Amino acid sequence: RRYDRWFMKAVPPNNLSLAVPMSQELKANLKE
């Protein structure tokens, strides 16, 4: 949920969205 908030949605101060999906390495480390 935090990842979606900061990497996929618009963030301050200019309401810009990076739109960077979670990498396969990070997805794996959510379990490892």
All heavy atoms as atom14 arrays in JSON, in Angstrom:
{
  "sequence": "RRYDRWFMKAVPPNNLSLAVPMSQELKANLKE",
  "atom14_mask": [
    [1, 1, 1, 1, 1, 1, 1, 1, 1, 1, 1, 0, 0, 0],
    [1, 1, 1, 1, 1, 1, 1, 1, 1, 1, 1, 0, 0, 0],
    [1, 1, 1, 1, 1, 1, 1, 1, 1, 1, 1, 1, 0, 0],
    [1, 1, 1, 1, 1, 1, 1, 1, 0, 0, 0, 0, 0, 0],
    [1, 1, 1, 1, 1, 1, 1, 1, 1, 1, 1, 0, 0, 0],
    [1, 1, 1, 1, 1, 1, 1, 1, 1, 1, 1, 1, 1, 1],
    [1, 1, 1, 1, 1, 1, 1, 1, 1, 1, 1, 0, 0, 0],
    [1, 1, 1, 1, 1, 1, 1, 1, 0, 0, 0, 0, 0, 0],
    [1, 1, 1, 1, 1, 1, 1, 1, 1, 0, 0, 0, 0, 0],
    [1, 1, 1, 1, 1, 0, 0, 0, 0, 0, 0, 0, 0, 0],
    [1, 1, 1, 1, 1, 1, 1, 0, 0, 0, 0, 0, 0, 0],
    [1, 1, 1, 1, 1, 1, 1, 0, 0, 0, 0, 0, 0, 0],
    [1, 1, 1, 1, 1, 1, 1, 0, 0, 0, 0, 0, 0, 0],
    [1, 1, 1, 1, 1, 1, 1, 1, 0, 0, 0, 0, 0, 0],
    [1, 1, 1, 1, 1, 1, 1, 1, 0, 0, 0, 0, 0, 0],
    [1, 1, 1, 1, 1, 1, 1, 1, 0, 0, 0, 0, 0, 0],
    [1, 1, 1, 1, 1, 1, 0, 0, 0, 0, 0, 0, 0, 0],
    [1, 1, 1, 1, 1, 1, 1, 1, 0, 0, 0, 0, 0, 0],
    [1, 1, 1, 1, 1, 0, 0, 0, 0, 0, 0, 0, 0, 0],
    [1, 1, 1, 1, 1, 1, 1, 0, 0, 0, 0, 0, 0, 0],
    [1, 1, 1, 1, 1, 1, 1, 0, 0, 0, 0, 0, 0, 0],
    [1, 1, 1, 1, 1, 1, 1, 1, 0, 0, 0, 0, 0, 0],
    [1, 1, 1, 1, 1, 1, 0, 0, 0, 0, 0, 0, 0, 0],
    [1, 1, 1, 1, 1, 1, 1, 1, 1, 0, 0, 0, 0, 0],
    [1, 1, 1, 1, 1, 1, 1, 1, 1, 0, 0, 0, 0, 0],
    [1, 1, 1, 1, 1, 1, 1, 1, 0, 0, 0, 0, 0, 0],
    [1, 1, 1, 1, 1, 1, 1, 1, 1, 0, 0, 0, 0, 0],
    [1, 1, 1, 1, 1, 0, 0, 0, 0, 0, 0, 0, 0, 0],
    [1, 1, 1, 1, 1, 1, 1, 1, 0, 0, 0, 0, 0, 0],
    [1, 1, 1, 1, 1, 1, 1, 1, 0, 0, 0, 0, 0, 0],
    [1, 1, 1, 1, 1, 1, 1, 1, 1, 0, 0, 0, 0, 0],
    [1, 1, 1, 1, 1, 1, 1, 1, 1, 0, 0, 0, 0, 0]
  ],
  "atom14_positions": [
    [[0.84, -1.21, 0.0], [0.0, 0.0, 0.0], [0.87, 1.26, 0.0], [0.57, 2.23, -0.71], [-0.94, -0.02, 1.21], [-2.07, -1.04, 1.1], [-3.09, -0.88, 2.2], [-2.58, -1.35, 3.49], [-2.67, -2.6, 3.91], [-3.22, -3.53, 3.14], [-2.2, -2.95, 5.1], [0.0, 0.0, 0.0], [0.0, 0.0, 0.0], [0.0, 0.0, 0.0]],
    [[1.93, 1.24, 0.78], [2.85, 2.38, 0.81], [3.53, 2.56, -0.55], [3.72, 3.67, -1.02], [3.91, 2.17, 1.89], [3.37, 2.09, 3.32], [3.37, 3.42, 4.01], [2.98, 3.27, 5.4], [3.83, 3.13, 6.41], [5.13, 3.08, 6.19], [3.38, 3.01, 7.65], [0.0, 0.0, 0.0], [0.0, 0.0, 0.0], [0.0, 0.0, 0.0]],
    [[3.93, 1.45, -1.13], [4.59, 1.51, -2.44], [3.65, 2.17, -3.45], [4.06, 3.06, -4.22], [4.99, 0.12, -2.92], [5.85, 0.15, -4.17], [7.23, 0.07, -4.09], [5.27, 0.31, -5.43], [8.03, 0.13, -5.23], [6.05, 0.38, -6.57], [7.43, 0.29, -6.48], [8.2, 0.38, -7.6], [0.0, 0.0, 0.0], [0.0, 0.0, 0.0]],
    [[2.42, 1.75, -3.49], [1.44, 2.32, -4.41], [1.28, 3.82, -4.17], [1.19, 4.6, -5.12], [0.1, 1.6, -4.24], [-0.93, 2.05, -5.25], [-0.74, 1.8, -6.45], [-1.93, 2.69, -4.84], [0.0, 0.0, 0.0], [0.0, 0.0, 0.0], [0.0, 0.0, 0.0], [0.0, 0.0, 0.0], [0.0, 0.0, 0.0], [0.0, 0.0, 0.0]],
    [[1.3, 4.21, -2.91], [1.13, 5.62, -2.55], [2.27, 6.48, -3.09], [2.05, 7.57, -3.63], [1.07, 5.74, -1.02], [1.36, 7.12, -0.43], [0.2, 8.08, -0.63], [0.46, 9.35, -0.01], [1.14, 10.36, -0.57], [1.63, 10.2, -1.8], [1.33, 11.5, 0.07], [0.0, 0.0, 0.0], [0.0, 0.0, 0.0], [0.0, 0.0, 0.0]],
    [[3.51, 6.0, -2.99], [4.66, 6.84, -3.32], [5.24, 6.62, -4.71], [5.91, 7.49, -5.23], [5.76, 6.64, -2.27], [5.41, 7.25, -0.96], [4.99, 6.62, 0.17], [5.4, 8.65, -0.65], [4.73, 7.52, 1.17], [4.97, 8.78, 0.69], [5.71, 9.81, -1.38], [4.85, 10.02, 1.31], [5.59, 11.04, -0.75], [5.17, 11.13, 0.57]],
    [[4.98, 5.48, -5.32], [5.58, 5.19, -6.62], [4.6, 5.13, -7.78], [5.0, 5.22, -8.94], [6.36, 3.87, -6.55], [7.54, 3.91, -5.63], [7.43, 3.55, -4.31], [8.77, 4.35, -6.09], [8.52, 3.6, -3.45], [9.87, 4.41, -5.25], [9.74, 4.03, -3.93], [0.0, 0.0, 0.0], [0.0, 0.0, 0.0], [0.0, 0.0, 0.0]],
    [[3.32, 4.97, -7.48], [2.34, 4.83, -8.55], [1.34, 5.97, -8.62], [0.66, 6.15, -9.64], [1.58, 3.5, -8.37], [2.47, 2.26, -8.42], [3.41, 2.11, -9.96], [2.07, 1.81, -11.12], [0.0, 0.0, 0.0], [0.0, 0.0, 0.0], [0.0, 0.0, 0.0], [0.0, 0.0, 0.0], [0.0, 0.0, 0.0], [0.0, 0.0, 0.0]],
    [[1.22, 6.74, -7.55], [0.26, 7.85, -7.51], [0.98, 9.19, -7.46], [2.18, 9.26, -7.22], [-0.67, 7.69, -6.3], [-1.55, 6.45, -6.37], [-2.46, 6.36, -5.17], [-3.36, 5.13, -5.26], [-4.23, 4.97, -4.07], [0.0, 0.0, 0.0], [0.0, 0.0, 0.0], [0.0, 0.0, 0.0], [0.0, 0.0, 0.0], [0.0, 0.0, 0.0]],
    [[0.23, 10.26, -7.7], [0.8, 11.61, -7.66], [1.24, 11.94, -6.24], [0.54, 11.64, -5.27], [-0.23, 12.63, -8.14], [0.0, 0.0, 0.0], [0.0, 0.0, 0.0], [0.0, 0.0, 0.0], [0.0, 0.0, 0.0], [0.0, 0.0, 0.0], [0.0, 0.0, 0.0], [0.0, 0.0, 0.0], [0.0, 0.0, 0.0], [0.0, 0.0, 0.0]],
    [[2.43, 12.55, -6.13], [2.97, 12.89, -4.82], [3.32, 14.38, -4.76], [3.55, 15.01, -5.79], [4.23, 12.05, -4.51], [3.88, 10.57, -4.47], [5.33, 12.29, -5.53], [0.0, 0.0, 0.0], [0.0, 0.0, 0.0], [0.0, 0.0, 0.0], [0.0, 0.0, 0.0], [0.0, 0.0, 0.0], [0.0, 0.0, 0.0], [0.0, 0.0, 0.0]],
    [[3.35, 14.95, -3.55], [3.75, 16.35, -3.39], [5.21, 16.53, -3.79], [5.97, 15.56, -3.82], [3.55, 16.59, -1.88], [2.71, 15.45, -1.4], [3.02, 14.29, -2.29], [0.0, 0.0, 0.0], [0.0, 0.0, 0.0], [0.0, 0.0, 0.0], [0.0, 0.0, 0.0], [0.0, 0.0, 0.0], [0.0, 0.0, 0.0], [0.0, 0.0, 0.0]],
    [[5.65, 17.77, -4.03], [4.84, 19.0, -3.94], [4.14, 19.37, -5.25], [3.32, 20.26, -5.27], [5.89, 20.06, -3.58], [7.13, 19.57, -4.28], [7.09, 18.06, -4.2], [0.0, 0.0, 0.0], [0.0, 0.0, 0.0], [0.0, 0.0, 0.0], [0.0, 0.0, 0.0], [0.0, 0.0, 0.0], [0.0, 0.0, 0.0], [0.0, 0.0, 0.0]],
    [[4.48, 18.7, -6.35], [3.95, 19.09, -7.66], [2.94, 18.11, -8.23], [2.6, 18.17, -9.41], [5.11, 19.26, -8.66], [6.08, 20.33, -8.23], [5.69, 21.38, -7.73], [7.37, 20.07, -8.4], [0.0, 0.0, 0.0], [0.0, 0.0, 0.0], [0.0, 0.0, 0.0], [0.0, 0.0, 0.0], [0.0, 0.0, 0.0], [0.0, 0.0, 0.0]],
    [[2.46, 17.19, -7.37], [1.47, 16.19, -7.8], [1.94, 15.41, -9.03], [1.19, 15.22, -10.0], [0.12, 16.85, -8.07], [-0.53, 17.37, -6.8], [-0.46, 16.7, -5.76], [-1.13, 18.54, -6.86], [0.0, 0.0, 0.0], [0.0, 0.0, 0.0], [0.0, 0.0, 0.0], [0.0, 0.0, 0.0], [0.0, 0.0, 0.0], [0.0, 0.0, 0.0]],
    [[3.18, 14.96, -8.97], [3.77, 14.17, -10.05], [3.7, 12.69, -9.72], [3.84, 12.3, -8.56], [5.23, 14.57, -10.25], [5.49, 16.03, -10.6], [6.98, 16.34, -10.51], [4.97, 16.35, -12.0], [0.0, 0.0, 0.0], [0.0, 0.0, 0.0], [0.0, 0.0, 0.0], [0.0, 0.0, 0.0], [0.0, 0.0, 0.0], [0.0, 0.0, 0.0]],
    [[3.5, 11.87, -10.73], [3.49, 10.42, -10.54], [4.68, 9.81, -11.27], [4.87, 10.07, -12.46], [2.19, 9.81, -11.07], [2.25, 8.4, -11.01], [0.0, 0.0, 0.0], [0.0, 0.0, 0.0], [0.0, 0.0, 0.0], [0.0, 0.0, 0.0], [0.0, 0.0, 0.0], [0.0, 0.0, 0.0], [0.0, 0.0, 0.0], [0.0, 0.0, 0.0]],
    [[5.47, 9.01, -10.56], [6.6, 8.34, -11.2], [6.15, 7.14, -12.02], [6.79, 6.77, -12.99], [7.61, 7.88, -10.14], [8.24, 8.97, -9.29], [9.26, 8.35, -8.34], [8.9, 10.02, -10.16], [0.0, 0.0, 0.0], [0.0, 0.0, 0.0], [0.0, 0.0, 0.0], [0.0, 0.0, 0.0], [0.0, 0.0, 0.0], [0.0, 0.0, 0.0]],
    [[5.03, 6.52, -11.61], [4.47, 5.36, -12.31], [5.53, 4.28, -12.54], [5.73, 3.81, -13.64], [3.84, 5.79, -13.64], [0.0, 0.0, 0.0], [0.0, 0.0, 0.0], [0.0, 0.0, 0.0], [0.0, 0.0, 0.0], [0.0, 0.0, 0.0], [0.0, 0.0, 0.0], [0.0, 0.0, 0.0], [0.0, 0.0, 0.0], [0.0, 0.0, 0.0]],
    [[6.22, 3.9, -11.45], [7.26, 2.88, -11.51], [6.74, 1.62, -10.8], [6.69, 1.59, -9.56], [8.56, 3.36, -10.85], [9.6, 2.26, -10.85], [9.09, 4.6, -11.56], [0.0, 0.0, 0.0], [0.0, 0.0, 0.0], [0.0, 0.0, 0.0], [0.0, 0.0, 0.0], [0.0, 0.0, 0.0], [0.0, 0.0, 0.0], [0.0, 0.0, 0.0]],
    [[6.35, 0.59, -11.54], [5.84, -0.63, -10.91], [6.91, -1.31, -10.06], [8.11, -1.13, -10.28], [5.44, -1.51, -12.1], [5.32, -0.58, -13.26], [6.32, 0.51, -13.01], [0.0, 0.0, 0.0], [0.0, 0.0, 0.0], [0.0, 0.0, 0.0], [0.0, 0.0, 0.0], [0.0, 0.0, 0.0], [0.0, 0.0, 0.0], [0.0, 0.0, 0.0]],
    [[6.47, -2.12, -9.12], [7.4, -2.85, -8.27], [8.21, -3.85, -9.09], [7.66, -4.57, -9.92], [6.61, -3.58, -7.17], [7.47, -4.15, -6.07], [6.5, -4.95, -4.74], [5.67, -3.51, -4.02], [0.0, 0.0, 0.0], [0.0, 0.0, 0.0], [0.0, 0.0, 0.0], [0.0, 0.0, 0.0], [0.0, 0.0, 0.0], [0.0, 0.0, 0.0]],
    [[9.52, -3.88, -8.86], [10.4, -4.77, -9.61], [10.19, -6.22, -9.17], [9.67, -6.5, -8.08], [11.86, -4.39, -9.39], [12.23, -4.62, -8.03], [0.0, 0.0, 0.0], [0.0, 0.0, 0.0], [0.0, 0.0, 0.0], [0.0, 0.0, 0.0], [0.0, 0.0, 0.0], [0.0, 0.0, 0.0], [0.0, 0.0, 0.0], [0.0, 0.0, 0.0]],
    [[10.64, -7.14, -10.01], [10.54, -8.56, -9.66], [11.4, -8.88, -8.44], [11.03, -9.71, -7.6], [10.97, -9.42, -10.86], [10.01, -9.37, -12.03], [8.6, -9.78, -11.67], [8.39, -10.79, -10.99], [7.63, -8.99, -12.09], [0.0, 0.0, 0.0], [0.0, 0.0, 0.0], [0.0, 0.0, 0.0], [0.0, 0.0, 0.0], [0.0, 0.0, 0.0]],
    [[12.56, -8.21, -8.33], [13.43, -8.43, -7.18], [12.74, -8.02, -5.88], [12.84, -8.73, -4.86], [14.73, -7.64, -7.33], [15.64, -8.13, -8.44], [15.34, -7.47, -9.78], [14.32, -6.75, -9.91], [16.13, -7.69, -10.71], [0.0, 0.0, 0.0], [0.0, 0.0, 0.0], [0.0, 0.0, 0.0], [0.0, 0.0, 0.0], [0.0, 0.0, 0.0]],
    [[12.03, -6.89, -5.91], [11.36, -6.44, -4.7], [10.16, -7.33, -4.38], [9.92, -7.65, -3.21], [10.91, -4.98, -4.86], [10.23, -4.35, -3.64], [11.09, -4.52, -2.39], [9.93, -2.88, -3.88], [0.0, 0.0, 0.0], [0.0, 0.0, 0.0], [0.0, 0.0, 0.0], [0.0, 0.0, 0.0], [0.0, 0.0, 0.0], [0.0, 0.0, 0.0]],
    [[9.41, -7.73, -5.4], [8.29, -8.64, -5.16], [8.77, -9.91, -4.47], [8.13, -10.41, -3.53], [7.61, -8.99, -6.48], [6.78, -7.86, -7.07], [6.14, -8.3, -8.38], [5.31, -7.17, -8.99], [4.7, -7.59, -10.29], [0.0, 0.0, 0.0], [0.0, 0.0, 0.0], [0.0, 0.0, 0.0], [0.0, 0.0, 0.0], [0.0, 0.0, 0.0]],
    [[9.91, -10.43, -4.92], [10.46, -11.63, -4.31], [10.86, -11.38, -2.86], [10.67, -12.24, -1.98], [11.67, -12.13, -5.11], [0.0, 0.0, 0.0], [0.0, 0.0, 0.0], [0.0, 0.0, 0.0], [0.0, 0.0, 0.0], [0.0, 0.0, 0.0], [0.0, 0.0, 0.0], [0.0, 0.0, 0.0], [0.0, 0.0, 0.0], [0.0, 0.0, 0.0]],
    [[11.4, -10.19, -2.58], [11.87, -9.92, -1.22], [10.75, -9.64, -0.23], [10.98, -9.64, 0.97], [12.88, -8.76, -1.2], [13.92, -8.96, -0.12], [14.41, -10.07, 0.07], [14.23, -7.9, 0.61], [0.0, 0.0, 0.0], [0.0, 0.0, 0.0], [0.0, 0.0, 0.0], [0.0, 0.0, 0.0], [0.0, 0.0, 0.0], [0.0, 0.0, 0.0]],
    [[9.54, -9.4, -0.73], [8.4, -9.29, 0.18], [8.17, -10.62, 0.91], [7.58, -10.64, 1.99], [7.14, -8.9, -0.58], [7.13, -7.52, -1.25], [5.76, -7.22, -1.84], [7.56, -6.42, -0.29], [0.0, 0.0, 0.0], [0.0, 0.0, 0.0], [0.0, 0.0, 0.0], [0.0, 0.0, 0.0], [0.0, 0.0, 0.0], [0.0, 0.0, 0.0]],
    [[8.66, -11.71, 0.32], [8.54, -13.03, 0.94], [9.87, -13.51, 1.51], [9.9, -14.19, 2.55], [8.04, -14.04, -0.09], [6.64, -13.72, -0.63], [6.21, -14.74, -1.67], [4.82, -14.41, -2.22], [4.39, -15.39, -3.25], [0.0, 0.0, 0.0], [0.0, 0.0, 0.0], [0.0, 0.0, 0.0], [0.0, 0.0, 0.0], [0.0, 0.0, 0.0]],
    [[10.96, -13.15, 0.86], [12.27, -13.67, 1.28], [12.87, -12.89, 2.45], [13.66, -13.42, 3.22], [13.23, -13.64, 0.08], [12.83, -14.59, -1.04], [13.65, -14.39, -2.3], [14.58, -13.53, -2.28], [13.38, -15.06, -3.31], [0.0, 0.0, 0.0], [0.0, 0.0, 0.0], [0.0, 0.0, 0.0], [0.0, 0.0, 0.0], [0.0, 0.0, 0.0]]
  ]
}
